[in-house]
Amino acid sequence: MNPYEKIKELTKQNGISVRELEKRLGYSNGYFSKWKNVSPNSDGLAKVADYFGISIDYLLGRKSNTADEGKNEAAVQLGGLFRSVAKKEELNDQEQQELKEDLDWYMKERARLIKERQKRG
């Protein structure tokens, strides 16, 4: 799978179009479609990887379907959910930051409770 196909897959998972991703990252319409036939530049790869919270290696198809990749997919889905809620609820930057902090707290607390339960058997 080439980087463009990976981007299509990621945008679909996150409920946005490729065009919307291009717009959010400051690229012109059709920028990513060129990646079907031309090697992408490192700046573009880095921006996409950072946006979705994945590695450049994943975009380039260098990673096989491993447990780490499954973790990346969960992170991608969580990031997509966050962006979807922020967009739907029209949250400004401050509100998004507050939501992120609340989610961080919740996930850490939930992980702690899960670990405690596992220790008790």
PDB file of N, CA and C in Angstrom:
ATOM      1  N   MET A   1       0.850  -1.174   0.000  1.00  0.00           N
ATOM      2  CA  MET A   1       0.000   0.000   0.000  1.00  0.00           C
ATOM      3  C   MET A   1       0.900   1.243   0.000  1.00  0.00           C
ATOM      4  N   ASN A   2       0.656   2.153  -0.928  1.00  0.00           N
ATOM      5  CA  ASN A   2       1.480   3.364  -1.006  1.00  0.00           C
ATOM      6  C   ASN A   2       0.999   4.408   0.012  1.00  0.00           C
ATOM      7  N   PRO A   3       1.807   5.451   0.254  1.00  0.00           N
ATOM      8  CA  PRO A   3       1.430   6.457   1.258  1.00  0.00           C
ATOM      9  C   PRO A   3       0.063   7.097   1.004  1.00  0.00           C
ATOM     10  N   TYR A   4      -0.283   7.311  -0.249  1.00  0.00           N
ATOM     11  CA  TYR A   4      -1.589   7.910  -0.543  1.00  0.00           C
ATOM     12  C   TYR A   4      -2.719   6.991  -0.080  1.00  0.00           C
ATOM     13  N   GLU A   5      -2.583   5.698  -0.329  1.00  0.00           N
ATOM     14  CA  GLU A   5      -3.618   4.750   0.097  1.00  0.00           C
ATOM     15  C   GLU A   5      -3.719   4.703   1.618  1.00  0.00           C
ATOM     16  N   LYS A   6      -2.568   4.798   2.297  1.00  0.00           N
ATOM     17  CA  LYS A   6      -2.574   4.846   3.767  1.00  0.00           C
ATOM     18  C   LYS A   6      -3.315   6.090   4.247  1.00  0.00           C
ATOM     19  N   ILE A   7      -3.071   7.214   3.585  1.00  0.00           N
ATOM     20  CA  ILE A   7      -3.742   8.461   3.965  1.00  0.00           C
ATOM     21  C   ILE A   7      -5.247   8.328   3.763  1.00  0.00           C
ATOM     22  N   LYS A   8      -5.657   7.738   2.655  1.00  0.00           N
ATOM     23  CA  LYS A   8      -7.091   7.530   2.413  1.00  0.00           C
ATOM     24  C   LYS A   8      -7.702   6.679   3.524  1.00  0.00           C
ATOM     25  N   GLU A   9      -6.992   5.643   3.911  1.00  0.00           N
ATOM     26  CA  GLU A   9      -7.460   4.752   4.975  1.00  0.00           C
ATOM     27  C   GLU A   9      -7.576   5.510   6.305  1.00  0.00           C
ATOM     28  N   LEU A  10      -6.554   6.290   6.624  1.00  0.00           N
ATOM     29  CA  LEU A  10      -6.545   7.038   7.884  1.00  0.00           C
ATOM     30  C   LEU A  10      -7.628   8.111   7.928  1.00  0.00           C
ATOM     31  N   THR A  11      -7.815   8.809   6.821  1.00  0.00           N
ATOM     32  CA  THR A  11      -8.849   9.848   6.811  1.00  0.00           C
ATOM     33  C   THR A  11     -10.229   9.216   6.942  1.00  0.00           C
ATOM     34  N   LYS A  12     -10.431   8.088   6.303  1.00  0.00           N
ATOM     35  CA  LYS A  12     -11.719   7.399   6.415  1.00  0.00           C
ATOM     36  C   LYS A  12     -11.973   6.982   7.859  1.00  0.00           C
ATOM     37  N   GLN A  13     -10.956   6.429   8.521  1.00  0.00           N
ATOM     38  CA  GLN A  13     -11.087   6.013   9.919  1.00  0.00           C
ATOM     39  C   GLN A  13     -11.403   7.196  10.830  1.00  0.00           C
ATOM     40  N   ASN A  14     -10.951   8.368  10.432  1.00  0.00           N
ATOM     41  CA  ASN A  14     -11.117   9.556  11.265  1.00  0.00           C
ATOM     42  C   ASN A  14     -12.267  10.458  10.828  1.00  0.00           C
ATOM     43  N   GLY A  15     -13.023  10.008   9.856  1.00  0.00           N
ATOM     44  CA  GLY A  15     -14.216  10.730   9.451  1.00  0.00           C
ATOM     45  C   GLY A  15     -13.974  12.058   8.759  1.00  0.00           C
ATOM     46  N   ILE A  16     -12.846  12.163   8.055  1.00  0.00           N
ATOM     47  CA  ILE A  16     -12.570  13.367   7.271  1.00  0.00           C
ATOM     48  C   ILE A  16     -12.186  12.946   5.860  1.00  0.00           C
ATOM     49  N   SER A  17     -12.222  13.880   4.948  1.00  0.00           N
ATOM     50  CA  SER A  17     -11.814  13.592   3.574  1.00  0.00           C
ATOM     51  C   SER A  17     -10.328  13.893   3.406  1.00  0.00           C
ATOM     52  N   VAL A  18      -9.762  13.361   2.346  1.00  0.00           N
ATOM     53  CA  VAL A  18      -8.366  13.675   2.028  1.00  0.00           C
ATOM     54  C   VAL A  18      -8.240  15.177   1.801  1.00  0.00           C
ATOM     55  N   ARG A  19      -9.206  15.761   1.135  1.00  0.00           N
ATOM     56  CA  ARG A  19      -9.201  17.213   0.886  1.00  0.00           C
ATOM     57  C   ARG A  19      -9.190  17.993   2.198  1.00  0.00           C
ATOM     58  N   GLU A  20      -9.980  17.548   3.166  1.00  0.00           N
ATOM     59  CA  GLU A  20     -10.014  18.218   4.474  1.00  0.00           C
ATOM     60  C   GLU A  20      -8.652  18.127   5.152  1.00  0.00           C
ATOM     61  N   LEU A  21      -8.000  16.976   5.053  1.00  0.00           N
ATOM     62  CA  LEU A  21      -6.665  16.826   5.630  1.00  0.00           C
ATOM     63  C   LEU A  21      -5.687  17.774   4.950  1.00  0.00           C
ATOM     64  N   GLU A  22      -5.744  17.838   3.625  1.00  0.00           N
ATOM     65  CA  GLU A  22      -4.864  18.764   2.889  1.00  0.00           C
ATOM     66  C   GLU A  22      -5.071  20.191   3.393  1.00  0.00           C
ATOM     67  N   LYS A  23      -6.308  20.563   3.555  1.00  0.00           N
ATOM     68  CA  LYS A  23      -6.641  21.913   4.017  1.00  0.00           C
ATOM     69  C   LYS A  23      -6.104  22.154   5.428  1.00  0.00           C
ATOM     70  N   ARG A  24      -6.324  21.204   6.324  1.00  0.00           N
ATOM     71  CA  ARG A  24      -5.876  21.350   7.717  1.00  0.00           C
ATOM     72  C   ARG A  24      -4.360  21.449   7.829  1.00  0.00           C
ATOM     73  N   LEU A  25      -3.657  20.764   6.924  1.00  0.00           N
ATOM     74  CA  LEU A  25      -2.194  20.781   6.975  1.00  0.00           C
ATOM     75  C   LEU A  25      -1.579  21.873   6.103  1.00  0.00           C
ATOM     76  N   GLY A  26      -2.436  22.648   5.433  1.00  0.00           N
ATOM     77  CA  GLY A  26      -1.950  23.774   4.640  1.00  0.00           C
ATOM     78  C   GLY A  26      -1.489  23.424   3.239  1.00  0.00           C
ATOM     79  N   TYR A  27      -1.997  22.334   2.696  1.00  0.00           N
ATOM     80  CA  TYR A  27      -1.623  21.920   1.345  1.00  0.00           C
ATOM     81  C   TYR A  27      -2.747  22.206   0.357  1.00  0.00           C
ATOM     82  N   SER A  28      -2.388  22.315  -0.903  1.00  0.00           N
ATOM     83  CA  SER A  28      -3.381  22.573  -1.951  1.00  0.00           C
ATOM     84  C   SER A  28      -4.153  21.294  -2.278  1.00  0.00           C
ATOM     85  N   ASN A  29      -5.300  21.493  -2.900  1.00  0.00           N
ATOM     86  CA  ASN A  29      -6.144  20.380  -3.315  1.00  0.00           C
ATOM     87  C   ASN A  29      -5.363  19.472  -4.268  1.00  0.00           C
ATOM     88  N   GLY A  30      -5.375  18.174  -4.006  1.00  0.00           N
ATOM     89  CA  GLY A  30      -4.684  17.216  -4.858  1.00  0.00           C
ATOM     90  C   GLY A  30      -3.240  16.949  -4.468  1.00  0.00           C
ATOM     91  N   TYR A  31      -2.750  17.614  -3.425  1.00  0.00           N
ATOM     92  CA  TYR A  31      -1.355  17.452  -3.009  1.00  0.00           C
ATOM     93  C   TYR A  31      -1.020  15.985  -2.735  1.00  0.00           C
ATOM     94  N   PHE A  32      -1.860  15.312  -1.948  1.00  0.00           N
ATOM     95  CA  PHE A  32      -1.560  13.931  -1.576  1.00  0.00           C
ATOM     96  C   PHE A  32      -1.771  12.951  -2.721  1.00  0.00           C
ATOM     97  N   SER A  33      -2.653  13.267  -3.649  1.00  0.00           N
ATOM     98  CA  SER A  33      -2.888  12.333  -4.761  1.00  0.00           C
ATOM     99  C   SER A  33      -1.634  12.169  -5.621  1.00  0.00           C
ATOM    100  N   LYS A  34      -0.753  13.163  -5.596  1.00  0.00           N
ATOM    101  CA  LYS A  34       0.515  13.054  -6.336  1.00  0.00           C
ATOM    102  C   LYS A  34       1.381  11.933  -5.771  1.00  0.00           C
ATOM    103  N   TRP A  35       1.143  11.578  -4.523  1.00  0.00           N
ATOM    104  CA  TRP A  35       1.934  10.541  -3.874  1.00  0.00           C
ATOM    105  C   TRP A  35       1.640   9.151  -4.427  1.00  0.00           C
ATOM    106  N   LYS A  36       0.654   9.038  -5.289  1.00  0.00           N
ATOM    107  CA  LYS A  36       0.384   7.752  -5.935  1.00  0.00           C
ATOM    108  C   LYS A  36       1.551   7.362  -6.830  1.00  0.00           C
ATOM    109  N   ASN A  37       2.172   8.374  -7.467  1.00  0.00           N
ATOM    110  CA  ASN A  37       3.212   8.111  -8.465  1.00  0.00           C
ATOM    111  C   ASN A  37       4.568   8.711  -8.134  1.00  0.00           C
ATOM    112  N   VAL A  38       4.609   9.636  -7.188  1.00  0.00           N
ATOM    113  CA  VAL A  38       5.850  10.333  -6.848  1.00  0.00           C
ATOM    114  C   VAL A  38       6.161  10.086  -5.373  1.00  0.00           C
ATOM    115  N   SER A  39       7.429   9.898  -5.059  1.00  0.00           N
ATOM    116  CA  SER A  39       7.812   9.714  -3.656  1.00  0.00           C
ATOM    117  C   SER A  39       7.511  10.975  -2.858  1.00  0.00           C
ATOM    118  N   PRO A  40       6.857  10.825  -1.714  1.00  0.00           N
ATOM    119  CA  PRO A  40       6.530  11.995  -0.894  1.00  0.00           C
ATOM    120  C   PRO A  40       7.775  12.585  -0.253  1.00  0.00           C
ATOM    121  N   ASN A  41       7.709  13.894   0.049  1.00  0.00           N
ATOM    122  CA  ASN A  41       8.845  14.513   0.726  1.00  0.00           C
ATOM    123  C   ASN A  41       8.739  14.279   2.233  1.00  0.00           C
ATOM    124  N   SER A  42       9.851  14.417   2.914  1.00  0.00           N
ATOM    125  CA  SER A  42       9.892  14.115   4.345  1.00  0.00           C
ATOM    126  C   SER A  42       9.025  15.066   5.163  1.00  0.00           C
ATOM    127  N   ASP A  43       8.924  16.327   4.751  1.00  0.00           N
ATOM    128  CA  ASP A  43       8.101  17.288   5.479  1.00  0.00           C
ATOM    129  C   ASP A  43       6.633  16.877   5.447  1.00  0.00           C
ATOM    130  N   GLY A  44       6.154  16.513   4.279  1.00  0.00           N
ATOM    131  CA  GLY A  44       4.763  16.078   4.145  1.00  0.00           C
ATOM    132  C   GLY A  44       4.482  14.820   4.946  1.00  0.00           C
ATOM    133  N   LEU A  45       5.392  13.862   4.880  1.00  0.00           N
ATOM    134  CA  LEU A  45       5.230  12.632   5.650  1.00  0.00           C
ATOM    135  C   LEU A  45       5.179  12.923   7.146  1.00  0.00           C
ATOM    136  N   ALA A  46       6.078  13.793   7.596  1.00  0.00           N
ATOM    137  CA  ALA A  46       6.132  14.130   9.022  1.00  0.00           C
ATOM    138  C   ALA A  46       4.846  14.810   9.480  1.00  0.00           C
ATOM    139  N   LYS A  47       4.321  15.714   8.667  1.00  0.00           N
ATOM    140  CA  LYS A  47       3.078  16.404   9.043  1.00  0.00           C
ATOM    141  C   LYS A  47       1.918  15.427   9.167  1.00  0.00           C
ATOM    142  N   VAL A  48       1.806  14.516   8.216  1.00  0.00           N
ATOM    143  CA  VAL A  48       0.720  13.530   8.256  1.00  0.00           C
ATOM    144  C   VAL A  48       0.901  12.604   9.461  1.00  0.00           C
ATOM    145  N   ALA A  49       2.120  12.124   9.666  1.00  0.00           N
ATOM    146  CA  ALA A  49       2.387  11.229  10.793  1.00  0.00           C
ATOM    147  C   ALA A  49       2.066  11.910  12.121  1.00  0.00           C
ATOM    148  N   ASP A  50       2.484  13.150  12.274  1.00  0.00           N
ATOM    149  CA  ASP A  50       2.193  13.891  13.504  1.00  0.00           C
ATOM    150  C   ASP A  50       0.696  14.104  13.686  1.00  0.00           C
ATOM    151  N   TYR A  51       0.018  14.426  12.613  1.00  0.00           N
ATOM    152  CA  TYR A  51      -1.422  14.684  12.686  1.00  0.00           C
ATOM    153  C   TYR A  51      -2.172  13.454  13.202  1.00  0.00           C
ATOM    154  N   PHE A  52      -1.816  12.278  12.681  1.00  0.00           N
ATOM    155  CA  PHE A  52      -2.523  11.060  13.062  1.00  0.00           C
ATOM    156  C   PHE A  52      -1.875  10.321  14.231  1.00  0.00           C
ATOM    157  N   GLY A  53      -0.720  10.778  14.691  1.00  0.00           N
ATOM    158  CA  GLY A  53      -0.046  10.113  15.799  1.00  0.00           C
ATOM    159  C   GLY A  53       0.507   8.750  15.422  1.00  0.00           C
ATOM    160  N   ILE A  54       1.042   8.661  14.218  1.00  0.00           N
ATOM    161  CA  ILE A  54       1.600   7.403  13.720  1.00  0.00           C
ATOM    162  C   ILE A  54       3.046   7.637  13.293  1.00  0.00           C
ATOM    163  N   SER A  55       3.727   6.566  12.915  1.00  0.00           N
ATOM    164  CA  SER A  55       5.108   6.708  12.461  1.00  0.00           C
ATOM    165  C   SER A  55       5.160   6.922  10.948  1.00  0.00           C
ATOM    166  N   ILE A  56       6.244   7.521  10.512  1.00  0.00           N
ATOM    167  CA  ILE A  56       6.477   7.668   9.074  1.00  0.00           C
ATOM    168  C   ILE A  56       6.640   6.286   8.449  1.00  0.00           C
ATOM    169  N   ASP A  57       7.269   5.372   9.173  1.00  0.00           N
ATOM    170  CA  ASP A  57       7.422   4.005   8.669  1.00  0.00           C
ATOM    171  C   ASP A  57       6.072   3.375   8.345  1.00  0.00           C
ATOM    172  N   TYR A  58       5.068   3.643   9.166  1.00  0.00           N
ATOM    173  CA  TYR A  58       3.732   3.110   8.893  1.00  0.00           C
ATOM    174  C   TYR A  58       3.199   3.675   7.579  1.00  0.00           C
ATOM    175  N   LEU A  59       3.367   4.978   7.377  1.00  0.00           N
ATOM    176  CA  LEU A  59       2.904   5.606   6.132  1.00  0.00           C
ATOM    177  C   LEU A  59       3.605   5.032   4.908  1.00  0.00           C
ATOM    178  N   LEU A  60       4.861   4.690   5.075  1.00  0.00           N
ATOM    179  CA  LEU A  60       5.644   4.161   3.957  1.00  0.00           C
ATOM    180  C   LEU A  60       5.443   2.658   3.762  1.00  0.00           C
ATOM    181  N   GLY A  61       4.661   2.042   4.632  1.00  0.00           N
ATOM    182  CA  GLY A  61       4.392   0.614   4.501  1.00  0.00           C
ATOM    183  C   GLY A  61       5.516  -0.264   4.991  1.00  0.00           C
ATOM    184  N   ARG A  62       6.393   0.278   5.813  1.00  0.00           N
ATOM    185  CA  ARG A  62       7.536  -0.496   6.309  1.00  0.00           C
ATOM    186  C   ARG A  62       7.191  -1.334   7.529  1.00  0.00           C
ATOM    187  N   LYS A  63       6.085  -1.029   8.171  1.00  0.00           N
ATOM    188  CA  LYS A  63       5.674  -1.787   9.349  1.00  0.00           C
ATOM    189  C   LYS A  63       4.648  -2.821   8.940  1.00  0.00           C
ATOM    190  N   SER A  64       4.844  -4.031   9.432  1.00  0.00           N
ATOM    191  CA  SER A  64       3.841  -5.062   9.188  1.00  0.00           C
ATOM    192  C   SER A  64       2.756  -4.944  10.251  1.00  0.00           C
ATOM    193  N   ASN A  65       1.773  -5.775  10.167  1.00  0.00           N
ATOM    194  CA  ASN A  65       0.659  -5.714  11.107  1.00  0.00           C
ATOM    195  C   ASN A  65       1.084  -6.356  12.425  1.00  0.00           C
ATOM    196  N   THR A  66       1.659  -5.565  13.331  1.00  0.00           N
ATOM    197  CA  THR A  66       2.159  -6.055  14.613  1.00  0.00           C
ATOM    198  C   THR A  66       1.312  -5.510  15.742  1.00  0.00           C
ATOM    199  N   ALA A  67       1.629  -5.932  16.954  1.00  0.00           N
ATOM    200  CA  ALA A  67       0.917  -5.419  18.132  1.00  0.00           C
ATOM    201  C   ALA A  67       1.121  -3.920  18.266  1.00  0.00           C
ATOM    202  N   ASP A  68       2.346  -3.441  17.969  1.00  0.00           N
ATOM    203  CA  ASP A  68       2.603  -2.002  18.037  1.00  0.00           C
ATOM    204  C   ASP A  68       1.723  -1.245  17.063  1.00  0.00           C
ATOM    205  N   GLU A  69       1.523  -1.820  15.893  1.00  0.00           N
ATOM    206  CA  GLU A  69       0.680  -1.163  14.902  1.00  0.00           C
ATOM    207  C   GLU A  69      -0.758  -1.110  15.396  1.00  0.00           C
ATOM    208  N   GLY A  70      -1.193  -2.159  16.090  1.00  0.00           N
ATOM    209  CA  GLY A  70      -2.528  -2.157  16.673  1.00  0.00           C
ATOM    210  C   GLY A  70      -2.683  -1.044  17.688  1.00  0.00           C
ATOM    211  N   LYS A  71      -1.617  -0.800  18.452  1.00  0.00           N
ATOM    212  CA  LYS A  71      -1.644   0.310  19.406  1.00  0.00           C
ATOM    213  C   LYS A  71      -1.738   1.629  18.660  1.00  0.00           C
ATOM    214  N   ASN A  72      -0.985   1.744  17.561  1.00  0.00           N
ATOM    215  CA  ASN A  72      -1.063   2.966  16.756  1.00  0.00           C
ATOM    216  C   ASN A  72      -2.471   3.163  16.220  1.00  0.00           C
ATOM    217  N   GLU A  73      -3.104   2.082  15.789  1.00  0.00           N
ATOM    218  CA  GLU A  73      -4.456   2.204  15.244  1.00  0.00           C
ATOM    219  C   GLU A  73      -5.419   2.692  16.319  1.00  0.00           C
ATOM    220  N   ALA A  74      -5.260   2.190  17.544  1.00  0.00           N
ATOM    221  CA  ALA A  74      -6.113   2.658  18.638  1.00  0.00           C
ATOM    222  C   ALA A  74      -5.877   4.145  18.884  1.00  0.00           C
ATOM    223  N   ALA A  75      -4.620   4.565  18.820  1.00  0.00           N
ATOM    224  CA  ALA A  75      -4.305   5.985  19.003  1.00  0.00           C
ATOM    225  C   ALA A  75      -4.898   6.820  17.877  1.00  0.00           C
ATOM    226  N   VAL A  76      -4.836   6.299  16.671  1.00  0.00           N
ATOM    227  CA  VAL A  76      -5.416   7.007  15.525  1.00  0.00           C
ATOM    228  C   VAL A  76      -6.918   7.152  15.711  1.00  0.00           C
ATOM    229  N   GLN A  77      -7.572   6.082  16.128  1.00  0.00           N
ATOM    230  CA  GLN A  77      -9.019   6.135  16.324  1.00  0.00           C
ATOM    231  C   GLN A  77      -9.390   7.098  17.440  1.00  0.00           C
ATOM    232  N   LEU A  78      -8.618   7.095  18.524  1.00  0.00           N
ATOM    233  CA  LEU A  78      -8.882   8.018  19.622  1.00  0.00           C
ATOM    234  C   LEU A  78      -8.684   9.457  19.172  1.00  0.00           C
ATOM    235  N   GLY A  79      -7.614   9.690  18.413  1.00  0.00           N
ATOM    236  CA  GLY A  79      -7.381  11.032  17.874  1.00  0.00           C
ATOM    237  C   GLY A  79      -8.497  11.464  16.943  1.00  0.00           C
ATOM    238  N   GLY A  80      -8.978  10.521  16.142  1.00  0.00           N
ATOM    239  CA  GLY A  80     -10.086  10.822  15.239  1.00  0.00           C
ATOM    240  C   GLY A  80     -11.355  11.151  15.998  1.00  0.00           C
ATOM    241  N   LEU A  81     -11.608  10.422  17.070  1.00  0.00           N
ATOM    242  CA  LEU A  81     -12.782  10.696  17.894  1.00  0.00           C
ATOM    243  C   LEU A  81     -12.679  12.085  18.516  1.00  0.00           C
ATOM    244  N   PHE A  82     -11.496  12.419  19.025  1.00  0.00           N
ATOM    245  CA  PHE A  82     -11.287  13.739  19.624  1.00  0.00           C
ATOM    246  C   PHE A  82     -11.550  14.841  18.602  1.00  0.00           C
ATOM    247  N   ARG A  83     -10.954  14.702  17.416  1.00  0.00           N
ATOM    248  CA  ARG A  83     -11.139  15.730  16.381  1.00  0.00           C
ATOM    249  C   ARG A  83     -12.591  15.817  15.936  1.00  0.00           C
ATOM    250  N   SER A  84     -13.249  14.676  15.854  1.00  0.00           N
ATOM    251  CA  SER A  84     -14.644  14.653  15.436  1.00  0.00           C
ATOM    252  C   SER A  84     -15.536  15.380  16.443  1.00  0.00           C
ATOM    253  N   VAL A  85     -15.331  15.113  17.720  1.00  0.00           N
ATOM    254  CA  VAL A  85     -16.116  15.788  18.763  1.00  0.00           C
ATOM    255  C   VAL A  85     -15.806  17.274  18.774  1.00  0.00           C
ATOM    256  N   ALA A  86     -14.522  17.619  18.691  1.00  0.00           N
ATOM    257  CA  ALA A  86     -14.134  19.035  18.702  1.00  0.00           C
ATOM    258  C   ALA A  86     -14.772  19.787  17.542  1.00  0.00           C
ATOM    259  N   LYS A  87     -14.825  19.151  16.386  1.00  0.00           N
ATOM    260  CA  LYS A  87     -15.416  19.805  15.215  1.00  0.00           C
ATOM    261  C   LYS A  87     -16.932  19.899  15.355  1.00  0.00           C
ATOM    262  N   LYS A  88     -17.555  18.785  15.734  1.00  0.00           N
ATOM    263  CA  LYS A  88     -19.020  18.751  15.853  1.00  0.00           C
ATOM    264  C   LYS A  88     -19.511  19.762  16.887  1.00  0.00           C
ATOM    265  N   GLU A  89     -18.815  19.852  18.003  1.00  0.00           N
ATOM    266  CA  GLU A  89     -19.221  20.756  19.079  1.00  0.00           C
ATOM    267  C   GLU A  89     -18.648  22.164  18.902  1.00  0.00           C
ATOM    268  N   GLU A  90     -17.879  22.353  17.818  1.00  0.00           N
ATOM    269  CA  GLU A  90     -17.278  23.652  17.496  1.00  0.00           C
ATOM    270  C   GLU A  90     -16.480  24.218  18.674  1.00  0.00           C
ATOM    271  N   LEU A  91     -15.598  23.366  19.229  1.00  0.00           N
ATOM    272  CA  LEU A  91     -14.775  23.778  20.362  1.00  0.00           C
ATOM    273  C   LEU A  91     -13.627  24.661  19.899  1.00  0.00           C
ATOM    274  N   ASN A  92     -13.382  25.733  20.630  1.00  0.00           N
ATOM    275  CA  ASN A  92     -12.235  26.585  20.320  1.00  0.00           C
ATOM    276  C   ASN A  92     -10.977  25.946  20.915  1.00  0.00           C
ATOM    277  N   ASP A  93      -9.825  26.565  20.701  1.00  0.00           N
ATOM    278  CA  ASP A  93      -8.556  25.987  21.156  1.00  0.00           C
ATOM    279  C   ASP A  93      -8.539  25.757  22.666  1.00  0.00           C
ATOM    280  N   GLN A  94      -9.025  26.723  23.430  1.00  0.00           N
ATOM    281  CA  GLN A  94      -9.043  26.597  24.893  1.00  0.00           C
ATOM    282  C   GLN A  94      -9.943  25.438  25.325  1.00  0.00           C
ATOM    283  N   GLU A  95     -11.104  25.328  24.717  1.00  0.00           N
ATOM    284  CA  GLU A  95     -12.029  24.244  25.057  1.00  0.00           C
ATOM    285  C   GLU A  95     -11.450  22.887  24.664  1.00  0.00           C
ATOM    286  N   GLN A  96     -10.763  22.831  23.537  1.00  0.00           N
ATOM    287  CA  GLN A  96     -10.115  21.584  23.126  1.00  0.00           C
ATOM    288  C   GLN A  96      -9.030  21.194  24.120  1.00  0.00           C
ATOM    289  N   GLN A  97      -8.273  22.169  24.597  1.00  0.00           N
ATOM    290  CA  GLN A  97      -7.224  21.896  25.578  1.00  0.00           C
ATOM    291  C   GLN A  97      -7.830  21.351  26.872  1.00  0.00           C
ATOM    292  N   GLU A  98      -8.931  21.950  27.318  1.00  0.00           N
ATOM    293  CA  GLU A  98      -9.605  21.469  28.530  1.00  0.00           C
ATOM    294  C   GLU A  98     -10.107  20.039  28.344  1.00  0.00           C
ATOM    295  N   LEU A  99     -10.684  19.761  27.184  1.00  0.00           N
ATOM    296  CA  LEU A  99     -11.161  18.413  26.896  1.00  0.00           C
ATOM    297  C   LEU A  99      -9.999  17.424  26.890  1.00  0.00           C
ATOM    298  N   LYS A 100      -8.895  17.806  26.286  1.00  0.00           N
ATOM    299  CA  LYS A 100      -7.712  16.939  26.250  1.00  0.00           C
ATOM    300  C   LYS A 100      -7.221  16.639  27.661  1.00  0.00           C
ATOM    301  N   GLU A 101      -7.154  17.664  28.511  1.00  0.00           N
ATOM    302  CA  GLU A 101      -6.703  17.469  29.891  1.00  0.00           C
ATOM    303  C   GLU A 101      -7.647  16.544  30.650  1.00  0.00           C
ATOM    304  N   ASP A 102      -8.955  16.711  30.451  1.00  0.00           N
ATOM    305  CA  ASP A 102      -9.932  15.827  31.093  1.00  0.00           C
ATOM    306  C   ASP A 102      -9.753  14.386  30.628  1.00  0.00           C
ATOM    307  N   LEU A 103      -9.565  14.200  29.324  1.00  0.00           N
ATOM    308  CA  LEU A 103      -9.377  12.854  28.784  1.00  0.00           C
ATOM    309  C   LEU A 103      -8.080  12.228  29.282  1.00  0.00           C
ATOM    310  N   ASP A 104      -7.013  13.022  29.354  1.00  0.00           N
ATOM    311  CA  ASP A 104      -5.741  12.519  29.880  1.00  0.00           C
ATOM    312  C   ASP A 104      -5.925  12.021  31.313  1.00  0.00           C
ATOM    313  N   TRP A 105      -6.590  12.843  32.136  1.00  0.00           N
ATOM    314  CA  TRP A 105      -6.821  12.463  33.528  1.00  0.00           C
ATOM    315  C   TRP A 105      -7.633  11.178  33.600  1.00  0.00           C
ATOM    316  N   TYR A 106      -8.719  11.119  32.828  1.00  0.00           N
ATOM    317  CA  TYR A 106      -9.586   9.945  32.854  1.00  0.00           C
ATOM    318  C   TYR A 106      -8.826   8.682  32.447  1.00  0.00           C
ATOM    319  N   MET A 107      -8.054   8.760  31.378  1.00  0.00           N
ATOM    320  CA  MET A 107      -7.344   7.573  30.897  1.00  0.00           C
ATOM    321  C   MET A 107      -6.300   7.106  31.907  1.00  0.00           C
ATOM    322  N   LYS A 108      -5.590   8.035  32.535  1.00  0.00           N
ATOM    323  CA  LYS A 108      -4.602   7.647  33.551  1.00  0.00           C
ATOM    324  C   LYS A 108      -5.286   7.000  34.751  1.00  0.00           C
ATOM    325  N   GLU A 109      -6.385   7.595  35.194  1.00  0.00           N
ATOM    326  CA  GLU A 109      -7.124   7.047  36.331  1.00  0.00           C
ATOM    327  C   GLU A 109      -7.695   5.670  35.994  1.00  0.00           C
ATOM    328  N   ARG A 110      -8.237   5.531  34.821  1.00  0.00           N
ATOM    329  CA  ARG A 110      -8.808   4.249  34.399  1.00  0.00           C
ATOM    330  C   ARG A 110      -7.723   3.182  34.297  1.00  0.00           C
ATOM    331  N   ALA A 111      -6.559   3.537  33.757  1.00  0.00           N
ATOM    332  CA  ALA A 111      -5.440   2.591  33.669  1.00  0.00           C
ATOM    333  C   ALA A 111      -4.996   2.155  35.067  1.00  0.00           C
ATOM    334  N   ARG A 112      -4.958   3.094  36.004  1.00  0.00           N
ATOM    335  CA  ARG A 112      -4.574   2.775  37.387  1.00  0.00           C
ATOM    336  C   ARG A 112      -5.560   1.777  37.988  1.00  0.00           C
ATOM    337  N   LEU A 113      -6.851   2.007  37.793  1.00  0.00           N
ATOM    338  CA  LEU A 113      -7.873   1.107  38.333  1.00  0.00           C
ATOM    339  C   LEU A 113      -7.789  -0.286  37.710  1.00  0.00           C
ATOM    340  N   ILE A 114      -7.515  -0.347  36.428  1.00  0.00           N
ATOM    341  CA  ILE A 114      -7.369  -1.644  35.750  1.00  0.00           C
ATOM    342  C   ILE A 114      -6.183  -2.405  36.323  1.00  0.00           C
ATOM    343  N   LYS A 115      -5.069  -1.714  36.517  1.00  0.00           N
ATOM    344  CA  LYS A 115      -3.877  -2.367  37.075  1.00  0.00           C
ATOM    345  C   LYS A 115      -4.134  -2.861  38.494  1.00  0.00           C
ATOM    346  N   GLU A 116      -4.840  -2.066  39.294  1.00  0.00           N
ATOM    347  CA  GLU A 116      -5.178  -2.487  40.657  1.00  0.00           C
ATOM    348  C   GLU A 116      -6.033  -3.747  40.635  1.00  0.00           C
ATOM    349  N   ARG A 117      -7.018  -3.783  39.759  1.00  0.00           N
ATOM    350  CA  ARG A 117      -7.903  -4.938  39.660  1.00  0.00           C
ATOM    351  C   ARG A 117      -7.119  -6.182  39.237  1.00  0.00           C
ATOM    352  N   GLN A 118      -6.159  -6.013  38.329  1.00  0.00           N
ATOM    353  CA  GLN A 118      -5.350  -7.147  37.879  1.00  0.00           C
ATOM    354  C   GLN A 118      -4.479  -7.678  39.013  1.00  0.00           C
ATOM    355  N   LYS A 119      -3.962  -6.790  39.859  1.00  0.00           N
ATOM    356  CA  LYS A 119      -3.125  -7.215  40.984  1.00  0.00           C
ATOM    357  C   LYS A 119      -3.924  -8.031  41.992  1.00  0.00           C
ATOM    358  N   ARG A 120      -5.195  -7.663  42.174  1.00  0.00           N
ATOM    359  CA  ARG A 120      -6.052  -8.363  43.128  1.00  0.00           C
ATOM    360  C   ARG A 120      -6.491  -9.726  42.604  1.00  0.00           C
ATOM    361  N   GLY A 121      -6.337  -9.925  41.323  1.00  0.00           N
ATOM    362  CA  GLY A 121      -6.656 -11.218  40.737  1.00  0.00           C
ATOM    363  C   GLY A 121      -7.995 -11.275  40.193  1.00  0.00           C
TER     364      GLY A 121
END
